[in-house]
Amino acid sequence: MIQEIDRKINHIIEKQRLKKKLEVDLLAVEAELCEKNNRLAELEAQLNQEKGDVEKLEHFSLTTLFYTVLGSREEQLEKERQEWLSAQLRYQQHKEQIAFLLQEQSHLQRQLDALTNLDAEYAALLTEKERLILQSNPAAAQELIAASQEMAHLNAELKEIAEAIAAGEAVLEQVDLVISSLKSAEGWGTWDLLGGGLISTAMKHNRMDEARNGVNEIEKRMSRFRRELLDVQLNTNIQIDIGEFTSFADYFFDGLIVDWVVQSKIENALAQATQARQAVCQALENLKGMKNAAAQKLNAWQEKRNQQIIQA
């Protein structure tokens, strides 16, 4: 009977920790949504401005006449079109991020809605277990309850750490793909500088486009990783820093599109991607250390509880 109550108590504790985690995750998603929506409005205004600049140069005006006389109208028009394309890419990327976050918000809310009356169930189970132990061995009652609770918390902590590790490894996997694309682009770029021609130029553009798409996916996975890290840090009081990832992502959407294929820009992007990878690897190393420490504590409490049960 007591073992069955233990099983139910552990199950309730896991649900309580899950509820707390979901509440924190939901707040984080909602904050990120607010930030992304504000940024989307700014990008939309910028997009409209860039579009207007292109249209001004495409139609006759004093501005187009000025550039025509100077002989640089086509060059200026190409520049404006590139800036318009860059604005479109940033705007679309933010829309994708918002759609992803809305899905996350809905999913988290559904999970929270399914977790109700946990505190009342937990209190009732503790009362019942205490009553049963007090009937047979009053001296052992409080020690057994404390051991069971500590083990339940450690199990929940291990689960949260494992989720954070999985999220971090997902980020690392995508970062490695982006690094691979950038290295390939760097190689094709070198050949291009040596006179590789249209093929090397096309391959270089293709690899940079792969890297840009990869950055979109990294941002989604990094969003989850940050939330998982927040859950771990709230419950362990241990800080894990993964650095500022925004600058790396923004790099792919700032400036002219033509800048992407400049060799120095590719090298800079590769250096930033490598730095981001190191930060994620360090965070994963810290998490794995925490996992080992928590597992050792759990084993110690398991042994202690077994001895308490034997001696009760």
C-alpha atoms as a PDB file:
ATOM      1  CA  MET A   1       0.000   0.000   0.000  1.00  0.00           C
ATOM      2  CA  ILE A   2       2.785   2.449   0.928  1.00  0.00           C
ATOM      3  CA  GLN A   3       4.687   1.645  -2.261  1.00  0.00           C
ATOM      4  CA  GLU A   4       1.604   2.462  -4.325  1.00  0.00           C
ATOM      5  CA  ILE A   5       1.220   5.790  -2.519  1.00  0.00           C
ATOM      6  CA  ASP A   6       4.920   6.495  -3.157  1.00  0.00           C
ATOM      7  CA  ARG A   7       4.380   5.906  -6.845  1.00  0.00           C
ATOM      8  CA  LYS A   8       1.431   8.324  -6.904  1.00  0.00           C
ATOM      9  CA  ILE A   9       3.326  10.976  -4.911  1.00  0.00           C
ATOM     10  CA  ASN A  10       6.284  10.821  -7.288  1.00  0.00           C
ATOM     11  CA  HIS A  11       3.923  11.123 -10.227  1.00  0.00           C
ATOM     12  CA  ILE A  12       2.266  14.216  -8.706  1.00  0.00           C
ATOM     13  CA  ILE A  13       5.649  15.844  -7.971  1.00  0.00           C
ATOM     14  CA  GLU A  14       6.683  15.326 -11.580  1.00  0.00           C
ATOM     15  CA  LYS A  15       3.450  16.967 -12.699  1.00  0.00           C
ATOM     16  CA  GLN A  16       3.981  19.911 -10.343  1.00  0.00           C
ATOM     17  CA  ARG A  17       7.472  20.475 -11.680  1.00  0.00           C
ATOM     18  CA  LEU A  18       6.153  20.163 -15.216  1.00  0.00           C
ATOM     19  CA  LYS A  19       3.438  22.734 -14.506  1.00  0.00           C
ATOM     20  CA  LYS A  20       5.993  25.183 -13.116  1.00  0.00           C
ATOM     21  CA  LYS A  21       8.203  24.607 -16.140  1.00  0.00           C
ATOM     22  CA  LEU A  22       5.324  25.155 -18.553  1.00  0.00           C
ATOM     23  CA  GLU A  23       4.314  28.388 -16.804  1.00  0.00           C
ATOM     24  CA  VAL A  24       7.863  29.733 -17.090  1.00  0.00           C
ATOM     25  CA  ASP A  25       8.098  28.622 -20.718  1.00  0.00           C
ATOM     26  CA  LEU A  26       4.780  30.273 -21.551  1.00  0.00           C
ATOM     27  CA  LEU A  27       5.881  33.585 -20.047  1.00  0.00           C
ATOM     28  CA  ALA A  28       9.125  33.400 -22.026  1.00  0.00           C
ATOM     29  CA  VAL A  29       7.283  32.674 -25.273  1.00  0.00           C
ATOM     30  CA  GLU A  30       4.821  35.507 -24.698  1.00  0.00           C
ATOM     31  CA  ALA A  31       7.655  37.950 -23.978  1.00  0.00           C
ATOM     32  CA  GLU A  32       9.478  36.854 -27.120  1.00  0.00           C
ATOM     33  CA  LEU A  33       6.254  37.162 -29.121  1.00  0.00           C
ATOM     34  CA  CYS A  34       5.795  40.742 -27.933  1.00  0.00           C
ATOM     35  CA  GLU A  35       9.362  41.575 -28.913  1.00  0.00           C
ATOM     36  CA  LYS A  36       9.034  39.910 -32.329  1.00  0.00           C
ATOM     37  CA  ASN A  37       5.744  41.654 -33.081  1.00  0.00           C
ATOM     38  CA  ASN A  38       7.247  45.036 -32.257  1.00  0.00           C
ATOM     39  CA  ARG A  39      10.220  44.267 -34.468  1.00  0.00           C
ATOM     40  CA  LEU A  40       7.928  43.075 -37.264  1.00  0.00           C
ATOM     41  CA  ALA A  41       6.167  46.427 -37.292  1.00  0.00           C
ATOM     42  CA  GLU A  42       9.526  48.179 -37.617  1.00  0.00           C
ATOM     43  CA  LEU A  43      10.577  45.850 -40.435  1.00  0.00           C
ATOM     44  CA  GLU A  44       7.304  46.392 -42.264  1.00  0.00           C
ATOM     45  CA  ALA A  45       7.848  50.149 -42.176  1.00  0.00           C
ATOM     46  CA  GLN A  46      11.397  49.674 -43.425  1.00  0.00           C
ATOM     47  CA  LEU A  47      10.193  47.315 -46.162  1.00  0.00           C
ATOM     48  CA  ASN A  48       7.672  49.867 -47.400  1.00  0.00           C
ATOM     49  CA  GLN A  49      10.335  52.562 -47.386  1.00  0.00           C
ATOM     50  CA  GLU A  50      12.766  50.425 -49.395  1.00  0.00           C
ATOM     51  CA  LYS A  51      10.015  49.540 -51.861  1.00  0.00           C
ATOM     52  CA  GLY A  52       9.220  53.208 -52.255  1.00  0.00           C
ATOM     53  CA  ASP A  53      12.881  53.991 -52.962  1.00  0.00           C
ATOM     54  CA  VAL A  54      12.918  51.419 -55.769  1.00  0.00           C
ATOM     55  CA  GLU A  55       9.692  52.732 -57.271  1.00  0.00           C
ATOM     56  CA  LYS A  56      11.014  56.296 -57.259  1.00  0.00           C
ATOM     57  CA  LEU A  57      14.032  55.277 -59.287  1.00  0.00           C
ATOM     58  CA  GLU A  58      11.986  53.119 -61.655  1.00  0.00           C
ATOM     59  CA  HIS A  59       9.694  56.025 -62.592  1.00  0.00           C
ATOM     60  CA  PHE A  60      10.653  59.400 -63.955  1.00  0.00           C
ATOM     61  CA  SER A  61      11.374  62.042 -61.355  1.00  0.00           C
ATOM     62  CA  LEU A  62      13.957  64.683 -60.533  1.00  0.00           C
ATOM     63  CA  THR A  63      15.849  62.003 -58.605  1.00  0.00           C
ATOM     64  CA  THR A  64      16.005  59.611 -61.570  1.00  0.00           C
ATOM     65  CA  LEU A  65      16.941  62.493 -63.845  1.00  0.00           C
ATOM     66  CA  PHE A  66      19.753  63.410 -61.449  1.00  0.00           C
ATOM     67  CA  TYR A  67      21.169  59.867 -61.442  1.00  0.00           C
ATOM     68  CA  THR A  68      20.681  59.532 -65.223  1.00  0.00           C
ATOM     69  CA  VAL A  69      22.683  62.669 -65.887  1.00  0.00           C
ATOM     70  CA  LEU A  70      25.425  61.424 -63.581  1.00  0.00           C
ATOM     71  CA  GLY A  71      25.389  58.085 -65.374  1.00  0.00           C
ATOM     72  CA  SER A  72      24.813  56.037 -62.197  1.00  0.00           C
ATOM     73  CA  ARG A  73      21.034  55.453 -62.290  1.00  0.00           C
ATOM     74  CA  GLU A  74      21.268  51.705 -62.958  1.00  0.00           C
ATOM     75  CA  GLU A  75      23.876  51.296 -60.264  1.00  0.00           C
ATOM     76  CA  GLN A  76      21.739  53.167 -57.742  1.00  0.00           C
ATOM     77  CA  LEU A  77      18.641  51.237 -58.795  1.00  0.00           C
ATOM     78  CA  GLU A  78      20.444  47.931 -58.271  1.00  0.00           C
ATOM     79  CA  LYS A  79      21.553  49.113 -54.824  1.00  0.00           C
ATOM     80  CA  GLU A  80      17.982  50.046 -53.871  1.00  0.00           C
ATOM     81  CA  ARG A  81      16.654  46.705 -55.135  1.00  0.00           C
ATOM     82  CA  GLN A  82      19.224  44.861 -53.035  1.00  0.00           C
ATOM     83  CA  GLU A  83      18.206  46.831 -49.955  1.00  0.00           C
ATOM     84  CA  TRP A  84      14.546  46.063 -50.698  1.00  0.00           C
ATOM     85  CA  LEU A  85      15.350  42.348 -50.999  1.00  0.00           C
ATOM     86  CA  SER A  86      17.291  42.443 -47.742  1.00  0.00           C
ATOM     87  CA  ALA A  87      14.313  44.082 -46.006  1.00  0.00           C
ATOM     88  CA  GLN A  88      11.976  41.440 -47.475  1.00  0.00           C
ATOM     89  CA  LEU A  89      14.163  38.623 -46.180  1.00  0.00           C
ATOM     90  CA  ARG A  90      14.290  40.073 -42.659  1.00  0.00           C
ATOM     91  CA  TYR A  91      10.547  40.690 -42.671  1.00  0.00           C
ATOM     92  CA  GLN A  92       9.774  37.129 -43.819  1.00  0.00           C
ATOM     93  CA  GLN A  93      12.175  35.658 -41.275  1.00  0.00           C
ATOM     94  CA  HIS A  94      10.390  37.488 -38.440  1.00  0.00           C
ATOM     95  CA  LYS A  95       6.996  36.323 -39.709  1.00  0.00           C
ATOM     96  CA  GLU A  96       8.222  32.724 -39.618  1.00  0.00           C
ATOM     97  CA  GLN A  97       9.515  33.205 -36.081  1.00  0.00           C
ATOM     98  CA  ILE A  98       6.184  34.655 -34.939  1.00  0.00           C
ATOM     99  CA  ALA A  99       4.244  31.754 -36.496  1.00  0.00           C
ATOM    100  CA  PHE A 100       6.552  29.308 -34.719  1.00  0.00           C
ATOM    101  CA  LEU A 101       6.125  31.086 -31.365  1.00  0.00           C
ATOM    102  CA  LEU A 102       2.344  31.136 -31.721  1.00  0.00           C
ATOM    103  CA  GLN A 103       2.406  27.371 -32.187  1.00  0.00           C
ATOM    104  CA  GLU A 104       4.606  27.026 -29.113  1.00  0.00           C
ATOM    105  CA  GLN A 105       2.250  29.253 -27.097  1.00  0.00           C
ATOM    106  CA  SER A 106      -0.785  27.193 -28.065  1.00  0.00           C
ATOM    107  CA  HIS A 107       0.988  23.919 -27.302  1.00  0.00           C
ATOM    108  CA  LEU A 108       2.161  25.107 -23.871  1.00  0.00           C
ATOM    109  CA  GLN A 109      -1.294  26.413 -22.954  1.00  0.00           C
ATOM    110  CA  ARG A 110      -2.925  23.088 -23.852  1.00  0.00           C
ATOM    111  CA  GLN A 111      -0.446  21.250 -21.635  1.00  0.00           C
ATOM    112  CA  LEU A 112      -1.102  23.634 -18.740  1.00  0.00           C
ATOM    113  CA  ASP A 113      -4.865  23.262 -19.089  1.00  0.00           C
ATOM    114  CA  ALA A 114      -4.457  19.520 -18.539  1.00  0.00           C
ATOM    115  CA  LEU A 115      -2.704  19.991 -15.169  1.00  0.00           C
ATOM    116  CA  THR A 116      -5.259  20.849 -12.468  1.00  0.00           C
ATOM    117  CA  ASN A 117      -5.834  20.091  -8.739  1.00  0.00           C
ATOM    118  CA  LEU A 118      -2.250  18.906  -8.286  1.00  0.00           C
ATOM    119  CA  ASP A 119      -1.681  20.544  -4.889  1.00  0.00           C
ATOM    120  CA  ALA A 120      -4.821  19.007  -3.381  1.00  0.00           C
ATOM    121  CA  GLU A 121      -3.940  15.539  -4.694  1.00  0.00           C
ATOM    122  CA  TYR A 122      -0.390  15.856  -3.353  1.00  0.00           C
ATOM    123  CA  ALA A 123      -1.546  16.887   0.131  1.00  0.00           C
ATOM    124  CA  ALA A 124      -4.056  14.032   0.302  1.00  0.00           C
ATOM    125  CA  LEU A 125      -1.433  11.439  -0.680  1.00  0.00           C
ATOM    126  CA  LEU A 126       1.072  12.701   1.898  1.00  0.00           C
ATOM    127  CA  THR A 127      -1.564  12.570   4.596  1.00  0.00           C
ATOM    128  CA  GLU A 128      -2.488   9.003   3.682  1.00  0.00           C
ATOM    129  CA  LYS A 129       1.116   7.839   3.569  1.00  0.00           C
ATOM    130  CA  GLU A 130       1.937   9.439   6.880  1.00  0.00           C
ATOM    131  CA  ARG A 131      -1.101   7.778   8.467  1.00  0.00           C
ATOM    132  CA  LEU A 132      -0.044   4.327   7.260  1.00  0.00           C
ATOM    133  CA  ILE A 133       3.562   4.682   8.426  1.00  0.00           C
ATOM    134  CA  LEU A 134       2.536   6.097  11.786  1.00  0.00           C
ATOM    135  CA  GLN A 135       0.427   2.995  12.354  1.00  0.00           C
ATOM    136  CA  SER A 136       3.387   0.692  11.878  1.00  0.00           C
ATOM    137  CA  ASN A 137       6.467   2.730  12.840  1.00  0.00           C
ATOM    138  CA  PRO A 138       5.921   6.345  13.950  1.00  0.00           C
ATOM    139  CA  ALA A 139       9.662   7.016  14.353  1.00  0.00           C
ATOM    140  CA  ALA A 140      10.416   6.260  10.712  1.00  0.00           C
ATOM    141  CA  ALA A 141       7.506   8.225   9.240  1.00  0.00           C
ATOM    142  CA  GLN A 142       9.072  11.663   8.804  1.00  0.00           C
ATOM    143  CA  GLU A 143      12.405  10.315   7.545  1.00  0.00           C
ATOM    144  CA  LEU A 144      10.739   8.205   4.863  1.00  0.00           C
ATOM    145  CA  ILE A 145       8.544  11.061   3.686  1.00  0.00           C
ATOM    146  CA  ALA A 146      11.549  13.407   3.465  1.00  0.00           C
ATOM    147  CA  ALA A 147      13.604  10.865   1.527  1.00  0.00           C
ATOM    148  CA  SER A 148      10.789  10.187  -0.934  1.00  0.00           C
ATOM    149  CA  GLN A 149      10.249  13.898  -1.551  1.00  0.00           C
ATOM    150  CA  GLU A 150      13.954  14.552  -2.102  1.00  0.00           C
ATOM    151  CA  MET A 151      14.185  11.681  -4.578  1.00  0.00           C
ATOM    152  CA  ALA A 152      11.145  12.913  -6.455  1.00  0.00           C
ATOM    153  CA  HIS A 153      12.668  16.385  -6.788  1.00  0.00           C
ATOM    154  CA  LEU A 154      15.967  14.944  -7.986  1.00  0.00           C
ATOM    155  CA  ASN A 155      14.187  12.818 -10.575  1.00  0.00           C
ATOM    156  CA  ALA A 156      12.345  15.890 -11.833  1.00  0.00           C
ATOM    157  CA  GLU A 157      15.620  17.849 -11.905  1.00  0.00           C
ATOM    158  CA  LEU A 158      17.291  15.115 -13.943  1.00  0.00           C
ATOM    159  CA  LYS A 159      14.404  15.171 -16.403  1.00  0.00           C
ATOM    160  CA  GLU A 160      14.692  18.946 -16.848  1.00  0.00           C
ATOM    161  CA  ILE A 161      18.448  18.736 -17.359  1.00  0.00           C
ATOM    162  CA  ALA A 162      17.981  15.976 -19.936  1.00  0.00           C
ATOM    163  CA  GLU A 163      15.462  18.144 -21.812  1.00  0.00           C
ATOM    164  CA  ALA A 164      17.909  21.058 -21.794  1.00  0.00           C
ATOM    165  CA  ILE A 165      20.705  18.815 -23.100  1.00  0.00           C
ATOM    166  CA  ALA A 166      18.473  17.536 -25.899  1.00  0.00           C
ATOM    167  CA  ALA A 167      17.532  21.108 -26.858  1.00  0.00           C
ATOM    168  CA  GLY A 168      21.188  22.186 -26.825  1.00  0.00           C
ATOM    169  CA  GLU A 169      22.264  19.240 -28.959  1.00  0.00           C
ATOM    170  CA  ALA A 170      19.543  20.153 -31.471  1.00  0.00           C
ATOM    171  CA  VAL A 171      21.009  23.671 -31.668  1.00  0.00           C
ATOM    172  CA  LEU A 172      24.516  22.284 -32.058  1.00  0.00           C
ATOM    173  CA  GLU A 173      23.408  20.012 -34.883  1.00  0.00           C
ATOM    174  CA  GLN A 174      21.978  22.961 -36.828  1.00  0.00           C
ATOM    175  CA  VAL A 175      24.978  25.209 -36.104  1.00  0.00           C
ATOM    176  CA  ASP A 176      27.239  22.510 -37.547  1.00  0.00           C
ATOM    177  CA  LEU A 177      25.160  22.476 -40.748  1.00  0.00           C
ATOM    178  CA  VAL A 178      25.479  26.257 -41.061  1.00  0.00           C
ATOM    179  CA  ILE A 179      29.242  26.060 -40.464  1.00  0.00           C
ATOM    180  CA  SER A 180      29.490  23.381 -43.151  1.00  0.00           C
ATOM    181  CA  SER A 181      27.616  25.619 -45.618  1.00  0.00           C
ATOM    182  CA  LEU A 182      29.813  28.602 -44.768  1.00  0.00           C
ATOM    183  CA  LYS A 183      33.016  26.584 -45.175  1.00  0.00           C
ATOM    184  CA  SER A 184      31.786  25.389 -48.554  1.00  0.00           C
ATOM    185  CA  ALA A 185      30.909  28.969 -49.521  1.00  0.00           C
ATOM    186  CA  GLU A 186      34.378  30.058 -48.431  1.00  0.00           C
ATOM    187  CA  GLY A 187      35.954  27.386 -50.617  1.00  0.00           C
ATOM    188  CA  TRP A 188      33.872  28.288 -53.658  1.00  0.00           C
ATOM    189  CA  GLY A 189      34.641  31.949 -52.981  1.00  0.00           C
ATOM    190  CA  THR A 190      38.368  31.270 -53.073  1.00  0.00           C
ATOM    191  CA  TRP A 191      37.974  29.503 -56.404  1.00  0.00           C
ATOM    192  CA  ASP A 192      35.856  32.411 -57.620  1.00  0.00           C
ATOM    193  CA  LEU A 193      38.638  34.854 -56.775  1.00  0.00           C
ATOM    194  CA  LEU A 194      41.022  32.696 -58.820  1.00  0.00           C
ATOM    195  CA  GLY A 195      38.747  32.947 -61.856  1.00  0.00           C
ATOM    196  CA  GLY A 196      36.332  30.080 -61.281  1.00  0.00           C
ATOM    197  CA  GLY A 197      33.613  31.713 -63.354  1.00  0.00           C
ATOM    198  CA  LEU A 198      29.847  31.411 -63.235  1.00  0.00           C
ATOM    199  CA  ILE A 199      29.805  27.935 -61.681  1.00  0.00           C
ATOM    200  CA  SER A 200      31.844  28.916 -58.627  1.00  0.00           C
ATOM    201  CA  THR A 201      29.816  32.110 -58.218  1.00  0.00           C
ATOM    202  CA  ALA A 202      26.530  30.182 -58.371  1.00  0.00           C
ATOM    203  CA  MET A 203      27.743  27.554 -55.900  1.00  0.00           C
ATOM    204  CA  LYS A 204      28.929  30.258 -53.518  1.00  0.00           C
ATOM    205  CA  HIS A 205      25.522  31.962 -53.635  1.00  0.00           C
ATOM    206  CA  ASN A 206      23.800  28.614 -53.102  1.00  0.00           C
ATOM    207  CA  ARG A 207      25.859  27.768 -50.006  1.00  0.00           C
ATOM    208  CA  MET A 208      25.246  31.205 -48.481  1.00  0.00           C
ATOM    209  CA  ASP A 209      21.521  30.738 -49.075  1.00  0.00           C
ATOM    210  CA  GLU A 210      21.740  27.381 -47.278  1.00  0.00           C
ATOM    211  CA  ALA A 211      23.458  29.129 -44.376  1.00  0.00           C
ATOM    212  CA  ARG A 212      20.763  31.829 -44.236  1.00  0.00           C
ATOM    213  CA  ASN A 213      18.002  29.206 -44.106  1.00  0.00           C
ATOM    214  CA  GLY A 214      19.975  27.350 -41.452  1.00  0.00           C
ATOM    215  CA  VAL A 215      20.141  30.465 -39.293  1.00  0.00           C
ATOM    216  CA  ASN A 216      16.329  30.644 -39.312  1.00  0.00           C
ATOM    217  CA  GLU A 217      16.176  27.119 -37.909  1.00  0.00           C
ATOM    218  CA  ILE A 218      18.919  27.854 -35.364  1.00  0.00           C
ATOM    219  CA  GLU A 219      16.870  30.751 -33.967  1.00  0.00           C
ATOM    220  CA  LYS A 220      13.883  28.449 -33.423  1.00  0.00           C
ATOM    221  CA  ARG A 221      15.991  25.825 -31.688  1.00  0.00           C
ATOM    222  CA  MET A 222      17.887  28.448 -29.678  1.00  0.00           C
ATOM    223  CA  SER A 223      14.570  29.828 -28.421  1.00  0.00           C
ATOM    224  CA  ARG A 224      13.707  26.403 -26.992  1.00  0.00           C
ATOM    225  CA  PHE A 225      17.213  25.914 -25.597  1.00  0.00           C
ATOM    226  CA  ARG A 226      17.057  29.228 -23.724  1.00  0.00           C
ATOM    227  CA  ARG A 227      13.727  28.261 -22.155  1.00  0.00           C
ATOM    228  CA  GLU A 228      15.052  24.861 -21.095  1.00  0.00           C
ATOM    229  CA  LEU A 229      18.127  26.518 -19.586  1.00  0.00           C
ATOM    230  CA  LEU A 230      15.879  28.943 -17.723  1.00  0.00           C
ATOM    231  CA  ASP A 231      13.968  26.016 -16.214  1.00  0.00           C
ATOM    232  CA  VAL A 232      17.194  24.380 -15.049  1.00  0.00           C
ATOM    233  CA  GLN A 233      18.592  27.615 -13.619  1.00  0.00           C
ATOM    234  CA  LEU A 234      15.385  28.419 -11.716  1.00  0.00           C
ATOM    235  CA  ASN A 235      15.442  25.055  -9.969  1.00  0.00           C
ATOM    236  CA  THR A 236      19.184  24.744  -9.321  1.00  0.00           C
ATOM    237  CA  ASN A 237      20.353  28.366  -8.846  1.00  0.00           C
ATOM    238  CA  ILE A 238      23.189  27.626 -11.273  1.00  0.00           C
ATOM    239  CA  GLN A 239      23.751  30.114 -14.111  1.00  0.00           C
ATOM    240  CA  ILE A 240      24.653  28.865 -17.585  1.00  0.00           C
ATOM    241  CA  ASP A 241      25.598  31.476 -20.184  1.00  0.00           C
ATOM    242  CA  ILE A 242      25.225  30.783 -23.909  1.00  0.00           C
ATOM    243  CA  GLY A 243      26.182  34.281 -24.948  1.00  0.00           C
ATOM    244  CA  GLU A 244      24.363  36.677 -27.240  1.00  0.00           C
ATOM    245  CA  PHE A 245      23.198  34.903 -30.378  1.00  0.00           C
ATOM    246  CA  THR A 246      21.289  37.821 -31.892  1.00  0.00           C
ATOM    247  CA  SER A 247      24.340  39.429 -33.516  1.00  0.00           C
ATOM    248  CA  PHE A 248      25.136  36.227 -35.387  1.00  0.00           C
ATOM    249  CA  ALA A 249      21.598  35.878 -36.741  1.00  0.00           C
ATOM    250  CA  ASP A 250      21.266  39.556 -37.634  1.00  0.00           C
ATOM    251  CA  TYR A 251      24.505  39.395 -39.573  1.00  0.00           C
ATOM    252  CA  PHE A 252      22.749  37.493 -42.346  1.00  0.00           C
ATOM    253  CA  PHE A 253      20.075  40.152 -42.789  1.00  0.00           C
ATOM    254  CA  ASP A 254      22.037  43.390 -42.412  1.00  0.00           C
ATOM    255  CA  GLY A 255      23.590  45.336 -45.242  1.00  0.00           C
ATOM    256  CA  LEU A 256      23.426  44.686 -48.959  1.00  0.00           C
ATOM    257  CA  ILE A 257      22.710  41.226 -50.324  1.00  0.00           C
ATOM    258  CA  VAL A 258      25.824  41.605 -52.451  1.00  0.00           C
ATOM    259  CA  ASP A 259      27.870  41.736 -49.232  1.00  0.00           C
ATOM    260  CA  TRP A 260      27.065  38.072 -48.594  1.00  0.00           C
ATOM    261  CA  VAL A 261      29.350  36.953 -51.396  1.00  0.00           C
ATOM    262  CA  VAL A 262      32.308  39.111 -50.436  1.00  0.00           C
ATOM    263  CA  GLN A 263      34.980  36.728 -49.196  1.00  0.00           C
ATOM    264  CA  SER A 264      35.749  38.672 -46.017  1.00  0.00           C
ATOM    265  CA  LYS A 265      32.045  38.639 -45.091  1.00  0.00           C
ATOM    266  CA  ILE A 266      31.896  34.870 -45.475  1.00  0.00           C
ATOM    267  CA  GLU A 267      34.956  34.503 -43.267  1.00  0.00           C
ATOM    268  CA  ASN A 268      33.434  36.792 -40.620  1.00  0.00           C
ATOM    269  CA  ALA A 269      30.171  34.834 -40.639  1.00  0.00           C
ATOM    270  CA  LEU A 270      32.127  31.589 -40.242  1.00  0.00           C
ATOM    271  CA  ALA A 271      34.039  33.027 -37.285  1.00  0.00           C
ATOM    272  CA  GLN A 272      30.797  34.105 -35.585  1.00  0.00           C
ATOM    273  CA  ALA A 273      29.181  30.716 -36.211  1.00  0.00           C
ATOM    274  CA  THR A 274      32.213  28.975 -34.709  1.00  0.00           C
ATOM    275  CA  GLN A 275      32.034  31.251 -31.657  1.00  0.00           C
ATOM    276  CA  ALA A 276      28.329  30.455 -31.224  1.00  0.00           C
ATOM    277  CA  ARG A 277      29.154  26.747 -31.429  1.00  0.00           C
ATOM    278  CA  GLN A 278      31.740  27.063 -28.656  1.00  0.00           C
ATOM    279  CA  ALA A 279      29.210  28.783 -26.386  1.00  0.00           C
ATOM    280  CA  VAL A 280      26.634  26.022 -26.938  1.00  0.00           C
ATOM    281  CA  CYS A 281      29.262  23.308 -26.364  1.00  0.00           C
ATOM    282  CA  GLN A 282      30.286  24.935 -23.086  1.00  0.00           C
ATOM    283  CA  ALA A 283      26.662  25.095 -21.943  1.00  0.00           C
ATOM    284  CA  LEU A 284      26.189  21.411 -22.805  1.00  0.00           C
ATOM    285  CA  GLU A 285      29.328  20.501 -20.884  1.00  0.00           C
ATOM    286  CA  ASN A 286      28.000  22.339 -17.818  1.00  0.00           C
ATOM    287  CA  LEU A 287      24.620  20.630 -18.127  1.00  0.00           C
ATOM    288  CA  LYS A 288      26.182  17.198 -18.358  1.00  0.00           C
ATOM    289  CA  GLY A 289      28.201  17.941 -15.231  1.00  0.00           C
ATOM    290  CA  MET A 290      24.994  18.930 -13.437  1.00  0.00           C
ATOM    291  CA  LYS A 291      23.330  15.740 -14.658  1.00  0.00           C
ATOM    292  CA  ASN A 292      26.109  13.569 -13.232  1.00  0.00           C
ATOM    293  CA  ALA A 293      25.991  15.403  -9.884  1.00  0.00           C
ATOM    294  CA  ALA A 294      22.201  15.068  -9.629  1.00  0.00           C
ATOM    295  CA  ALA A 295      22.396  11.356 -10.511  1.00  0.00           C
ATOM    296  CA  GLN A 296      24.933  10.773  -7.744  1.00  0.00           C
ATOM    297  CA  LYS A 297      22.697  12.553  -5.228  1.00  0.00           C
ATOM    298  CA  LEU A 298      19.729  10.465  -6.327  1.00  0.00           C
ATOM    299  CA  ASN A 299      21.672   7.243  -5.874  1.00  0.00           C
ATOM    300  CA  ALA A 300      22.721   8.329  -2.376  1.00  0.00           C
ATOM    301  CA  TRP A 301      19.128   9.135  -1.389  1.00  0.00           C
ATOM    302  CA  GLN A 302      17.915   5.849  -2.863  1.00  0.00           C
ATOM    303  CA  GLU A 303      20.398   3.936  -0.729  1.00  0.00           C
ATOM    304  CA  LYS A 304      19.437   5.947   2.360  1.00  0.00           C
ATOM    305  CA  ARG A 305      15.734   5.316   1.796  1.00  0.00           C
ATOM    306  CA  ASN A 306      16.304   1.613   1.265  1.00  0.00           C
ATOM    307  CA  GLN A 307      18.092   1.457   4.597  1.00  0.00           C
ATOM    308  CA  GLN A 308      15.238   3.365   6.273  1.00  0.00           C
ATOM    309  CA  ILE A 309      12.699   0.901   4.901  1.00  0.00           C
ATOM    310  CA  ILE A 310      14.785  -2.086   5.990  1.00  0.00           C
ATOM    311  CA  GLN A 311      15.175  -0.699   9.485  1.00  0.00           C
ATOM    312  CA  ALA A 312      11.538   0.472   9.854  1.00  0.00           C
END
